[in-house]
Amino acid sequence: MTLTAVLLLAAGTFALRLAGPLLRDRVTLSERVRELMSTAATVMLFALVAVSAFTEGRGFAGPALPVGVLVGAVAAWRRAPFAVVVVLAAGATALLRLAGVD
């Protein structure tokens, strides 16, 4: 059963990816729909970041993790290189947890 599920999901993924190039010239979206799709993608990304920043397992992650995410966000906003953003975020979280802020 697992192999069947994997093959069905693979075929569905392939069909969806193939549909984009094949239907590009046939389907036109209004400017409003394009704007809504862009906004929806942004909202979904923000929701993913929020859930990852505030939860750990099934509960609240404590203040150290959101502060680390905030430090990383500020570094990214200031256009720091990606490696620096990751190191700053992880370092801020680690230092707060080392200090007992959990």
PDB file of N, CA and C in Angstrom:
ATOM      1  N   MET A   1       0.816  -1.195   0.000  1.00  0.00           N
ATOM      2  CA  MET A   1       0.000   0.000   0.000  1.00  0.00           C
ATOM      3  C   MET A   1       0.866   1.268   0.000  1.00  0.00           C
ATOM      4  N   THR A   2       1.977   1.231   0.699  1.00  0.00           N
ATOM      5  CA  THR A   2       2.849   2.400   0.767  1.00  0.00           C
ATOM      6  C   THR A   2       3.430   2.728  -0.608  1.00  0.00           C
ATOM      7  N   LEU A   3       3.827   1.719  -1.337  1.00  0.00           N
ATOM      8  CA  LEU A   3       4.388   1.943  -2.666  1.00  0.00           C
ATOM      9  C   LEU A   3       3.334   2.544  -3.595  1.00  0.00           C
ATOM     10  N   THR A   4       2.103   2.069  -3.483  1.00  0.00           N
ATOM     11  CA  THR A   4       1.015   2.609  -4.300  1.00  0.00           C
ATOM     12  C   THR A   4       0.786   4.079  -3.978  1.00  0.00           C
ATOM     13  N   ALA A   5       0.790   4.414  -2.697  1.00  0.00           N
ATOM     14  CA  ALA A   5       0.586   5.808  -2.295  1.00  0.00           C
ATOM     15  C   ALA A   5       1.714   6.691  -2.820  1.00  0.00           C
ATOM     16  N   VAL A   6       2.940   6.222  -2.724  1.00  0.00           N
ATOM     17  CA  VAL A   6       4.082   7.002  -3.205  1.00  0.00           C
ATOM     18  C   VAL A   6       3.985   7.218  -4.708  1.00  0.00           C
ATOM     19  N   LEU A   7       3.624   6.164  -5.440  1.00  0.00           N
ATOM     20  CA  LEU A   7       3.504   6.292  -6.892  1.00  0.00           C
ATOM     21  C   LEU A   7       2.366   7.233  -7.285  1.00  0.00           C
ATOM     22  N   LEU A   8       1.247   7.171  -6.586  1.00  0.00           N
ATOM     23  CA  LEU A   8       0.135   8.091  -6.865  1.00  0.00           C
ATOM     24  C   LEU A   8       0.515   9.538  -6.575  1.00  0.00           C
ATOM     25  N   LEU A   9       1.181   9.755  -5.457  1.00  0.00           N
ATOM     26  CA  LEU A   9       1.613  11.114  -5.130  1.00  0.00           C
ATOM     27  C   LEU A   9       2.653  11.618  -6.133  1.00  0.00           C
ATOM     28  N   ALA A  10       3.550  10.753  -6.568  1.00  0.00           N
ATOM     29  CA  ALA A  10       4.549  11.144  -7.560  1.00  0.00           C
ATOM     30  C   ALA A  10       3.878  11.513  -8.878  1.00  0.00           C
ATOM     31  N   ALA A  11       2.894  10.706  -9.295  1.00  0.00           N
ATOM     32  CA  ALA A  11       2.187  11.005 -10.545  1.00  0.00           C
ATOM     33  C   ALA A  11       1.409  12.306 -10.437  1.00  0.00           C
ATOM     34  N   GLY A  12       0.770  12.534  -9.304  1.00  0.00           N
ATOM     35  CA  GLY A  12       0.032  13.787  -9.103  1.00  0.00           C
ATOM     36  C   GLY A  12       0.954  14.992  -9.105  1.00  0.00           C
ATOM     37  N   THR A  13       2.092  14.863  -8.455  1.00  0.00           N
ATOM     38  CA  THR A  13       3.060  15.959  -8.438  1.00  0.00           C
ATOM     39  C   THR A  13       3.573  16.248  -9.839  1.00  0.00           C
ATOM     40  N   PHE A  14       3.881  15.207 -10.584  1.00  0.00           N
ATOM     41  CA  PHE A  14       4.357  15.385 -11.951  1.00  0.00           C
ATOM     42  C   PHE A  14       3.288  16.068 -12.809  1.00  0.00           C
ATOM     43  N   ALA A  15       2.020  15.641 -12.655  1.00  0.00           N
ATOM     44  CA  ALA A  15       0.927  16.233 -13.440  1.00  0.00           C
ATOM     45  C   ALA A  15       0.743  17.712 -13.105  1.00  0.00           C
ATOM     46  N   LEU A  16       0.817  18.053 -11.841  1.00  0.00           N
ATOM     47  CA  LEU A  16       0.672  19.461 -11.463  1.00  0.00           C
ATOM     48  C   LEU A  16       1.828  20.308 -11.995  1.00  0.00           C
ATOM     49  N   ARG A  17       3.034  19.770 -11.932  1.00  0.00           N
ATOM     50  CA  ARG A  17       4.185  20.525 -12.426  1.00  0.00           C
ATOM     51  C   ARG A  17       4.157  20.652 -13.948  1.00  0.00           C
ATOM     52  N   LEU A  18       3.654  19.655 -14.619  1.00  0.00           N
ATOM     53  CA  LEU A  18       3.556  19.694 -16.070  1.00  0.00           C
ATOM     54  C   LEU A  18       2.435  20.636 -16.524  1.00  0.00           C
ATOM     55  N   ALA A  19       1.399  20.772 -15.714  1.00  0.00           N
ATOM     56  CA  ALA A  19       0.257  21.617 -16.074  1.00  0.00           C
ATOM     57  C   ALA A  19       0.659  23.091 -16.200  1.00  0.00           C
ATOM     58  N   GLY A  20       1.607  23.524 -15.407  1.00  0.00           N
ATOM     59  CA  GLY A  20       2.031  24.924 -15.464  1.00  0.00           C
ATOM     60  C   GLY A  20       2.520  25.343 -16.838  1.00  0.00           C
ATOM     61  N   PRO A  21       3.555  24.700 -17.357  1.00  0.00           N
ATOM     62  CA  PRO A  21       4.037  25.076 -18.693  1.00  0.00           C
ATOM     63  C   PRO A  21       3.016  24.827 -19.807  1.00  0.00           C
ATOM     64  N   LEU A  22       2.218  23.779 -19.674  1.00  0.00           N
ATOM     65  CA  LEU A  22       1.258  23.468 -20.727  1.00  0.00           C
ATOM     66  C   LEU A  22       0.094  24.463 -20.776  1.00  0.00           C
ATOM     67  N   LEU A  23      -0.301  24.984 -19.634  1.00  0.00           N
ATOM     68  CA  LEU A  23      -1.459  25.883 -19.580  1.00  0.00           C
ATOM     69  C   LEU A  23      -1.089  27.357 -19.475  1.00  0.00           C
ATOM     70  N   ARG A  24       0.185  27.675 -19.537  1.00  0.00           N
ATOM     71  CA  ARG A  24       0.643  29.050 -19.338  1.00  0.00           C
ATOM     72  C   ARG A  24      -0.042  30.039 -20.279  1.00  0.00           C
ATOM     73  N   ASP A  25      -0.139  29.700 -21.549  1.00  0.00           N
ATOM     74  CA  ASP A  25      -0.711  30.627 -22.522  1.00  0.00           C
ATOM     75  C   ASP A  25      -2.233  30.506 -22.630  1.00  0.00           C
ATOM     76  N   ARG A  26      -2.811  29.453 -22.107  1.00  0.00           N
ATOM     77  CA  ARG A  26      -4.248  29.241 -22.236  1.00  0.00           C
ATOM     78  C   ARG A  26      -5.053  29.864 -21.109  1.00  0.00           C
ATOM     79  N   VAL A  27      -4.464  29.997 -19.941  1.00  0.00           N
ATOM     80  CA  VAL A  27      -5.182  30.524 -18.782  1.00  0.00           C
ATOM     81  C   VAL A  27      -4.633  31.910 -18.476  1.00  0.00           C
ATOM     82  N   THR A  28      -5.518  32.880 -18.398  1.00  0.00           N
ATOM     83  CA  THR A  28      -5.099  34.225 -18.013  1.00  0.00           C
ATOM     84  C   THR A  28      -5.785  34.587 -16.700  1.00  0.00           C
ATOM     85  N   LEU A  29      -5.028  35.157 -15.831  1.00  0.00           N
ATOM     86  CA  LEU A  29      -5.541  35.566 -14.530  1.00  0.00           C
ATOM     87  C   LEU A  29      -5.669  37.078 -14.493  1.00  0.00           C
ATOM     88  N   SER A  30      -6.712  37.527 -13.838  1.00  0.00           N
ATOM     89  CA  SER A  30      -6.887  38.972 -13.706  1.00  0.00           C
ATOM     90  C   SER A  30      -5.837  39.518 -12.736  1.00  0.00           C
ATOM     91  N   GLU A  31      -5.656  40.808 -12.779  1.00  0.00           N
ATOM     92  CA  GLU A  31      -4.669  41.443 -11.900  1.00  0.00           C
ATOM     93  C   GLU A  31      -5.043  41.239 -10.435  1.00  0.00           C
ATOM     94  N   ARG A  32      -6.321  41.257 -10.140  1.00  0.00           N
ATOM     95  CA  ARG A  32      -6.803  41.052  -8.765  1.00  0.00           C
ATOM     96  C   ARG A  32      -6.442  39.653  -8.263  1.00  0.00           C
ATOM     97  N   VAL A  33      -6.617  38.640  -9.100  1.00  0.00           N
ATOM     98  CA  VAL A  33      -6.287  37.268  -8.714  1.00  0.00           C
ATOM     99  C   VAL A  33      -4.786  37.123  -8.512  1.00  0.00           C
ATOM    100  N   ARG A  34      -4.000  37.726  -9.370  1.00  0.00           N
ATOM    101  CA  ARG A  34      -2.540  37.678  -9.202  1.00  0.00           C
ATOM    102  C   ARG A  34      -2.119  38.327  -7.895  1.00  0.00           C
ATOM    103  N   GLU A  35      -2.739  39.456  -7.570  1.00  0.00           N
ATOM    104  CA  GLU A  35      -2.430  40.144  -6.317  1.00  0.00           C
ATOM    105  C   GLU A  35      -2.824  39.281  -5.124  1.00  0.00           C
ATOM    106  N   LEU A  36      -3.988  38.643  -5.186  1.00  0.00           N
ATOM    107  CA  LEU A  36      -4.430  37.776  -4.093  1.00  0.00           C
ATOM    108  C   LEU A  36      -3.516  36.563  -3.929  1.00  0.00           C
ATOM    109  N   MET A  37      -3.051  36.003  -5.026  1.00  0.00           N
ATOM    110  CA  MET A  37      -2.139  34.862  -4.948  1.00  0.00           C
ATOM    111  C   MET A  37      -0.808  35.263  -4.314  1.00  0.00           C
ATOM    112  N   SER A  38      -0.330  36.433  -4.658  1.00  0.00           N
ATOM    113  CA  SER A  38       0.910  36.924  -4.067  1.00  0.00           C
ATOM    114  C   SER A  38       0.733  37.170  -2.569  1.00  0.00           C
ATOM    115  N   THR A  39      -0.392  37.762  -2.214  1.00  0.00           N
ATOM    116  CA  THR A  39      -0.672  38.023  -0.801  1.00  0.00           C
ATOM    117  C   THR A  39      -0.830  36.707  -0.039  1.00  0.00           C
ATOM    118  N   ALA A  40      -1.499  35.738  -0.631  1.00  0.00           N
ATOM    119  CA  ALA A  40      -1.691  34.449   0.027  1.00  0.00           C
ATOM    120  C   ALA A  40      -0.359  33.758   0.283  1.00  0.00           C
ATOM    121  N   ALA A  41       0.554  33.827  -0.657  1.00  0.00           N
ATOM    122  CA  ALA A  41       1.872  33.215  -0.468  1.00  0.00           C
ATOM    123  C   ALA A  41       2.619  33.890   0.674  1.00  0.00           C
ATOM    124  N   THR A  42       2.517  35.203   0.749  1.00  0.00           N
ATOM    125  CA  THR A  42       3.172  35.941   1.830  1.00  0.00           C
ATOM    126  C   THR A  42       2.574  35.578   3.177  1.00  0.00           C
ATOM    127  N   VAL A  43       1.261  35.504   3.250  1.00  0.00           N
ATOM    128  CA  VAL A  43       0.585  35.172   4.500  1.00  0.00           C
ATOM    129  C   VAL A  43       0.944  33.754   4.944  1.00  0.00           C
ATOM    130  N   MET A  44       0.993  32.824   4.009  1.00  0.00           N
ATOM    131  CA  MET A  44       1.346  31.447   4.374  1.00  0.00           C
ATOM    132  C   MET A  44       2.785  31.353   4.879  1.00  0.00           C
ATOM    133  N   LEU A  45       3.695  32.082   4.258  1.00  0.00           N
ATOM    134  CA  LEU A  45       5.079  32.089   4.727  1.00  0.00           C
ATOM    135  C   LEU A  45       5.173  32.697   6.122  1.00  0.00           C
ATOM    136  N   PHE A  46       4.457  33.787   6.353  1.00  0.00           N
ATOM    137  CA  PHE A  46       4.456  34.418   7.670  1.00  0.00           C
ATOM    138  C   PHE A  46       3.879  33.466   8.718  1.00  0.00           C
ATOM    139  N   ALA A  47       2.810  32.753   8.380  1.00  0.00           N
ATOM    140  CA  ALA A  47       2.208  31.800   9.320  1.00  0.00           C
ATOM    141  C   ALA A  47       3.181  30.677   9.661  1.00  0.00           C
ATOM    142  N   LEU A  48       3.911  30.205   8.674  1.00  0.00           N
ATOM    143  CA  LEU A  48       4.904  29.161   8.912  1.00  0.00           C
ATOM    144  C   LEU A  48       5.999  29.653   9.855  1.00  0.00           C
ATOM    145  N   VAL A  49       6.473  30.865   9.629  1.00  0.00           N
ATOM    146  CA  VAL A  49       7.497  31.432  10.500  1.00  0.00           C
ATOM    147  C   VAL A  49       6.950  31.623  11.906  1.00  0.00           C
ATOM    148  N   ALA A  50       5.714  32.114  12.033  1.00  0.00           N
ATOM    149  CA  ALA A  50       5.126  32.350  13.351  1.00  0.00           C
ATOM    150  C   ALA A  50       4.972  31.048  14.135  1.00  0.00           C
ATOM    151  N   VAL A  51       4.478  30.012  13.474  1.00  0.00           N
ATOM    152  CA  VAL A  51       4.311  28.726  14.163  1.00  0.00           C
ATOM    153  C   VAL A  51       5.666  28.171  14.578  1.00  0.00           C
ATOM    154  N   SER A  52       6.650  28.279  13.713  1.00  0.00           N
ATOM    155  CA  SER A  52       7.983  27.774  14.031  1.00  0.00           C
ATOM    156  C   SER A  52       8.650  28.587  15.130  1.00  0.00           C
ATOM    157  N   ALA A  53       8.346  29.872  15.199  1.00  0.00           N
ATOM    158  CA  ALA A  53       8.995  30.746  16.173  1.00  0.00           C
ATOM    159  C   ALA A  53       8.382  30.634  17.556  1.00  0.00           C
ATOM    160  N   PHE A  54       7.115  30.319  17.640  1.00  0.00           N
ATOM    161  CA  PHE A  54       6.444  30.358  18.931  1.00  0.00           C
ATOM    162  C   PHE A  54       6.117  28.997  19.525  1.00  0.00           C
ATOM    163  N   THR A  55       6.247  27.931  18.766  1.00  0.00           N
ATOM    164  CA  THR A  55       5.897  26.615  19.297  1.00  0.00           C
ATOM    165  C   THR A  55       7.065  25.658  19.208  1.00  0.00           C
ATOM    166  N   GLU A  56       7.075  24.752  20.155  1.00  0.00           N
ATOM    167  CA  GLU A  56       8.061  23.677  20.173  1.00  0.00           C
ATOM    168  C   GLU A  56       7.317  22.447  20.658  1.00  0.00           C
ATOM    169  N   GLY A  57       7.213  21.456  19.823  1.00  0.00           N
ATOM    170  CA  GLY A  57       6.373  20.318  20.163  1.00  0.00           C
ATOM    171  C   GLY A  57       4.914  20.738  20.075  1.00  0.00           C
ATOM    172  N   ARG A  58       4.212  20.627  21.202  1.00  0.00           N
ATOM    173  CA  ARG A  58       2.796  21.001  21.228  1.00  0.00           C
ATOM    174  C   ARG A  58       2.531  22.231  22.082  1.00  0.00           C
ATOM    175  N   GLY A  59       3.576  22.881  22.559  1.00  0.00           N
ATOM    176  CA  GLY A  59       3.375  24.014  23.450  1.00  0.00           C
ATOM    177  C   GLY A  59       4.209  25.221  23.062  1.00  0.00           C
ATOM    178  N   PHE A  60       4.117  26.235  23.905  1.00  0.00           N
ATOM    179  CA  PHE A  60       4.866  27.472  23.698  1.00  0.00           C
ATOM    180  C   PHE A  60       6.352  27.200  23.871  1.00  0.00           C
ATOM    181  N   ALA A  61       7.165  27.762  22.997  1.00  0.00           N
ATOM    182  CA  ALA A  61       8.603  27.493  22.991  1.00  0.00           C
ATOM    183  C   ALA A  61       9.358  28.273  24.056  1.00  0.00           C
ATOM    184  N   GLY A  62       8.723  29.233  24.683  1.00  0.00           N
ATOM    185  CA  GLY A  62       9.424  30.089  25.618  1.00  0.00           C
ATOM    186  C   GLY A  62       9.927  31.327  24.901  1.00  0.00           C
ATOM    187  N   PRO A  63      10.378  32.311  25.635  1.00  0.00           N
ATOM    188  CA  PRO A  63      10.771  33.580  24.999  1.00  0.00           C
ATOM    189  C   PRO A  63      12.090  33.534  24.227  1.00  0.00           C
ATOM    190  N   ALA A  64      12.947  32.573  24.486  1.00  0.00           N
ATOM    191  CA  ALA A  64      14.262  32.558  23.838  1.00  0.00           C
ATOM    192  C   ALA A  64      14.145  32.347  22.327  1.00  0.00           C
ATOM    193  N   LEU A  65      13.293  31.436  21.913  1.00  0.00           N
ATOM    194  CA  LEU A  65      13.166  31.152  20.486  1.00  0.00           C
ATOM    195  C   LEU A  65      12.584  32.329  19.694  1.00  0.00           C
ATOM    196  N   PRO A  66      11.490  32.960  20.154  1.00  0.00           N
ATOM    197  CA  PRO A  66      11.001  34.130  19.412  1.00  0.00           C
ATOM    198  C   PRO A  66      12.006  35.283  19.358  1.00  0.00           C
ATOM    199  N   VAL A  67      12.766  35.463  20.414  1.00  0.00           N
ATOM    200  CA  VAL A  67      13.781  36.526  20.402  1.00  0.00           C
ATOM    201  C   VAL A  67      14.864  36.190  19.375  1.00  0.00           C
ATOM    202  N   GLY A  68      15.260  34.926  19.289  1.00  0.00           N
ATOM    203  CA  GLY A  68      16.239  34.522  18.278  1.00  0.00           C
ATOM    204  C   GLY A  68      15.725  34.752  16.869  1.00  0.00           C
ATOM    205  N   VAL A  69      14.453  34.439  16.641  1.00  0.00           N
ATOM    206  CA  VAL A  69      13.856  34.682  15.327  1.00  0.00           C
ATOM    207  C   VAL A  69      13.828  36.176  15.034  1.00  0.00           C
ATOM    208  N   LEU A  70      13.502  36.972  16.036  1.00  0.00           N
ATOM    209  CA  LEU A  70      13.485  38.429  15.853  1.00  0.00           C
ATOM    210  C   LEU A  70      14.876  38.958  15.520  1.00  0.00           C
ATOM    211  N   VAL A  71      15.890  38.456  16.190  1.00  0.00           N
ATOM    212  CA  VAL A  71      17.273  38.869  15.890  1.00  0.00           C
ATOM    213  C   VAL A  71      17.621  38.497  14.449  1.00  0.00           C
ATOM    214  N   GLY A  72      17.258  37.298  14.046  1.00  0.00           N
ATOM    215  CA  GLY A  72      17.504  36.882  12.671  1.00  0.00           C
ATOM    216  C   GLY A  72      16.748  37.729  11.663  1.00  0.00           C
ATOM    217  N   ALA A  73      15.496  38.080  11.989  1.00  0.00           N
ATOM    218  CA  ALA A  73      14.696  38.915  11.089  1.00  0.00           C
ATOM    219  C   ALA A  73      15.304  40.299  10.929  1.00  0.00           C
ATOM    220  N   VAL A  74      15.784  40.869  12.022  1.00  0.00           N
ATOM    221  CA  VAL A  74      16.415  42.188  11.943  1.00  0.00           C
ATOM    222  C   VAL A  74      17.701  42.111  11.117  1.00  0.00           C
ATOM    223  N   ALA A  75      18.472  41.044  11.312  1.00  0.00           N
ATOM    224  CA  ALA A  75      19.707  40.881  10.525  1.00  0.00           C
ATOM    225  C   ALA A  75      19.381  40.719   9.039  1.00  0.00           C
ATOM    226  N   ALA A  76      18.328  39.960   8.728  1.00  0.00           N
ATOM    227  CA  ALA A  76      17.932  39.796   7.327  1.00  0.00           C
ATOM    228  C   ALA A  76      17.427  41.109   6.748  1.00  0.00           C
ATOM    229  N   TRP A  77      16.680  41.849   7.543  1.00  0.00           N
ATOM    230  CA  TRP A  77      16.170  43.149   7.102  1.00  0.00           C
ATOM    231  C   TRP A  77      17.317  44.121   6.818  1.00  0.00           C
ATOM    232  N   ARG A  78      18.380  44.007   7.591  1.00  0.00           N
ATOM    233  CA  ARG A  78      19.563  44.857   7.389  1.00  0.00           C
ATOM    234  C   ARG A  78      20.464  44.300   6.286  1.00  0.00           C
ATOM    235  N   ARG A  79      19.985  43.267   5.592  1.00  0.00           N
ATOM    236  CA  ARG A  79      20.657  42.649   4.452  1.00  0.00           C
ATOM    237  C   ARG A  79      21.996  41.998   4.802  1.00  0.00           C
ATOM    238  N   ALA A  80      22.031  41.342   5.961  1.00  0.00           N
ATOM    239  CA  ALA A  80      23.215  40.563   6.319  1.00  0.00           C
ATOM    240  C   ALA A  80      23.236  39.292   5.469  1.00  0.00           C
ATOM    241  N   PRO A  81      24.404  38.735   5.238  1.00  0.00           N
ATOM    242  CA  PRO A  81      24.471  37.462   4.506  1.00  0.00           C
ATOM    243  C   PRO A  81      23.707  36.366   5.259  1.00  0.00           C
ATOM    244  N   PHE A  82      23.195  35.381   4.498  1.00  0.00           N
ATOM    245  CA  PHE A  82      22.355  34.348   5.087  1.00  0.00           C
ATOM    246  C   PHE A  82      23.046  33.622   6.237  1.00  0.00           C
ATOM    247  N   ALA A  83      24.314  33.276   6.072  1.00  0.00           N
ATOM    248  CA  ALA A  83      25.042  32.566   7.128  1.00  0.00           C
ATOM    249  C   ALA A  83      25.102  33.404   8.398  1.00  0.00           C
ATOM    250  N   VAL A  84      25.279  34.703   8.250  1.00  0.00           N
ATOM    251  CA  VAL A  84      25.327  35.595   9.410  1.00  0.00           C
ATOM    252  C   VAL A  84      23.955  35.650  10.092  1.00  0.00           C
ATOM    253  N   VAL A  85      22.893  35.681   9.310  1.00  0.00           N
ATOM    254  CA  VAL A  85      21.534  35.689   9.870  1.00  0.00           C
ATOM    255  C   VAL A  85      21.304  34.447  10.711  1.00  0.00           C
ATOM    256  N   VAL A  86      21.677  33.290  10.174  1.00  0.00           N
ATOM    257  CA  VAL A  86      21.469  32.032  10.893  1.00  0.00           C
ATOM    258  C   VAL A  86      22.299  31.984  12.170  1.00  0.00           C
ATOM    259  N   VAL A  87      23.554  32.392  12.078  1.00  0.00           N
ATOM    260  CA  VAL A  87      24.428  32.356  13.252  1.00  0.00           C
ATOM    261  C   VAL A  87      23.936  33.332  14.322  1.00  0.00           C
ATOM    262  N   LEU A  88      23.511  34.515  13.931  1.00  0.00           N
ATOM    263  CA  LEU A  88      22.998  35.479  14.909  1.00  0.00           C
ATOM    264  C   LEU A  88      21.732  34.975  15.588  1.00  0.00           C
ATOM    265  N   ALA A  89      20.816  34.423  14.819  1.00  0.00           N
ATOM    266  CA  ALA A  89      19.567  33.911  15.395  1.00  0.00           C
ATOM    267  C   ALA A  89      19.840  32.752  16.348  1.00  0.00           C
ATOM    268  N   ALA A  90      20.659  31.808  15.904  1.00  0.00           N
ATOM    269  CA  ALA A  90      20.974  30.664  16.761  1.00  0.00           C
ATOM    270  C   ALA A  90      21.766  31.096  17.990  1.00  0.00           C
ATOM    271  N   GLY A  91      22.678  32.029  17.805  1.00  0.00           N
ATOM    272  CA  GLY A  91      23.467  32.523  18.935  1.00  0.00           C
ATOM    273  C   GLY A  91      22.631  33.248  19.965  1.00  0.00           C
ATOM    274  N   ALA A  92      21.716  34.078  19.513  1.00  0.00           N
ATOM    275  CA  ALA A  92      20.844  34.790  20.453  1.00  0.00           C
ATOM    276  C   ALA A  92      19.989  33.813  21.239  1.00  0.00           C
ATOM    277  N   THR A  93      19.433  32.825  20.559  1.00  0.00           N
ATOM    278  CA  THR A  93      18.621  31.821  21.248  1.00  0.00           C
ATOM    279  C   THR A  93      19.464  31.031  22.236  1.00  0.00           C
ATOM    280  N   ALA A  94      20.648  30.614  21.809  1.00  0.00           N
ATOM    281  CA  ALA A  94      21.521  29.822  22.686  1.00  0.00           C
ATOM    282  C   ALA A  94      21.962  30.624  23.911  1.00  0.00           C
ATOM    283  N   LEU A  95      22.306  31.877  23.716  1.00  0.00           N
ATOM    284  CA  LEU A  95      22.734  32.691  24.853  1.00  0.00           C
ATOM    285  C   LEU A  95      21.599  32.918  25.844  1.00  0.00           C
ATOM    286  N   LEU A  96      20.393  33.143  25.346  1.00  0.00           N
ATOM    287  CA  LEU A  96      19.259  33.310  26.251  1.00  0.00           C
ATOM    288  C   LEU A  96      18.962  32.021  27.013  1.00  0.00           C
ATOM    289  N   ARG A  97      19.051  30.884  26.334  1.00  0.00           N
ATOM    290  CA  ARG A  97      18.817  29.619  27.027  1.00  0.00           C
ATOM    291  C   ARG A  97      19.926  29.312  28.011  1.00  0.00           C
ATOM    292  N   LEU A  98      21.165  29.702  27.672  1.00  0.00           N
ATOM    293  CA  LEU A  98      22.287  29.519  28.604  1.00  0.00           C
ATOM    294  C   LEU A  98      22.098  30.388  29.836  1.00  0.00           C
ATOM    295  N   ALA A  99      21.513  31.562  29.655  1.00  0.00           N
ATOM    296  CA  ALA A  99      21.271  32.472  30.776  1.00  0.00           C
ATOM    297  C   ALA A  99      20.056  32.050  31.609  1.00  0.00           C
ATOM    298  N   GLY A 100      19.371  31.003  31.179  1.00  0.00           N
ATOM    299  CA  GLY A 100      18.234  30.525  31.958  1.00  0.00           C
ATOM    300  C   GLY A 100      16.889  31.053  31.510  1.00  0.00           C
ATOM    301  N   VAL A 101      16.881  31.838  30.454  1.00  0.00           N
ATOM    302  CA  VAL A 101      15.610  32.331  29.914  1.00  0.00           C
ATOM    303  C   VAL A 101      15.093  31.218  29.011  1.00  0.00           C
ATOM    304  N   ASP A 102      14.101  30.507  29.499  1.00  0.00           N
ATOM    305  CA  ASP A 102      13.637  29.354  28.734  1.00  0.00           C
ATOM    306  C   ASP A 102      12.234  29.579  28.428  1.00  0.00           C
TER     307      ASP A 102
END
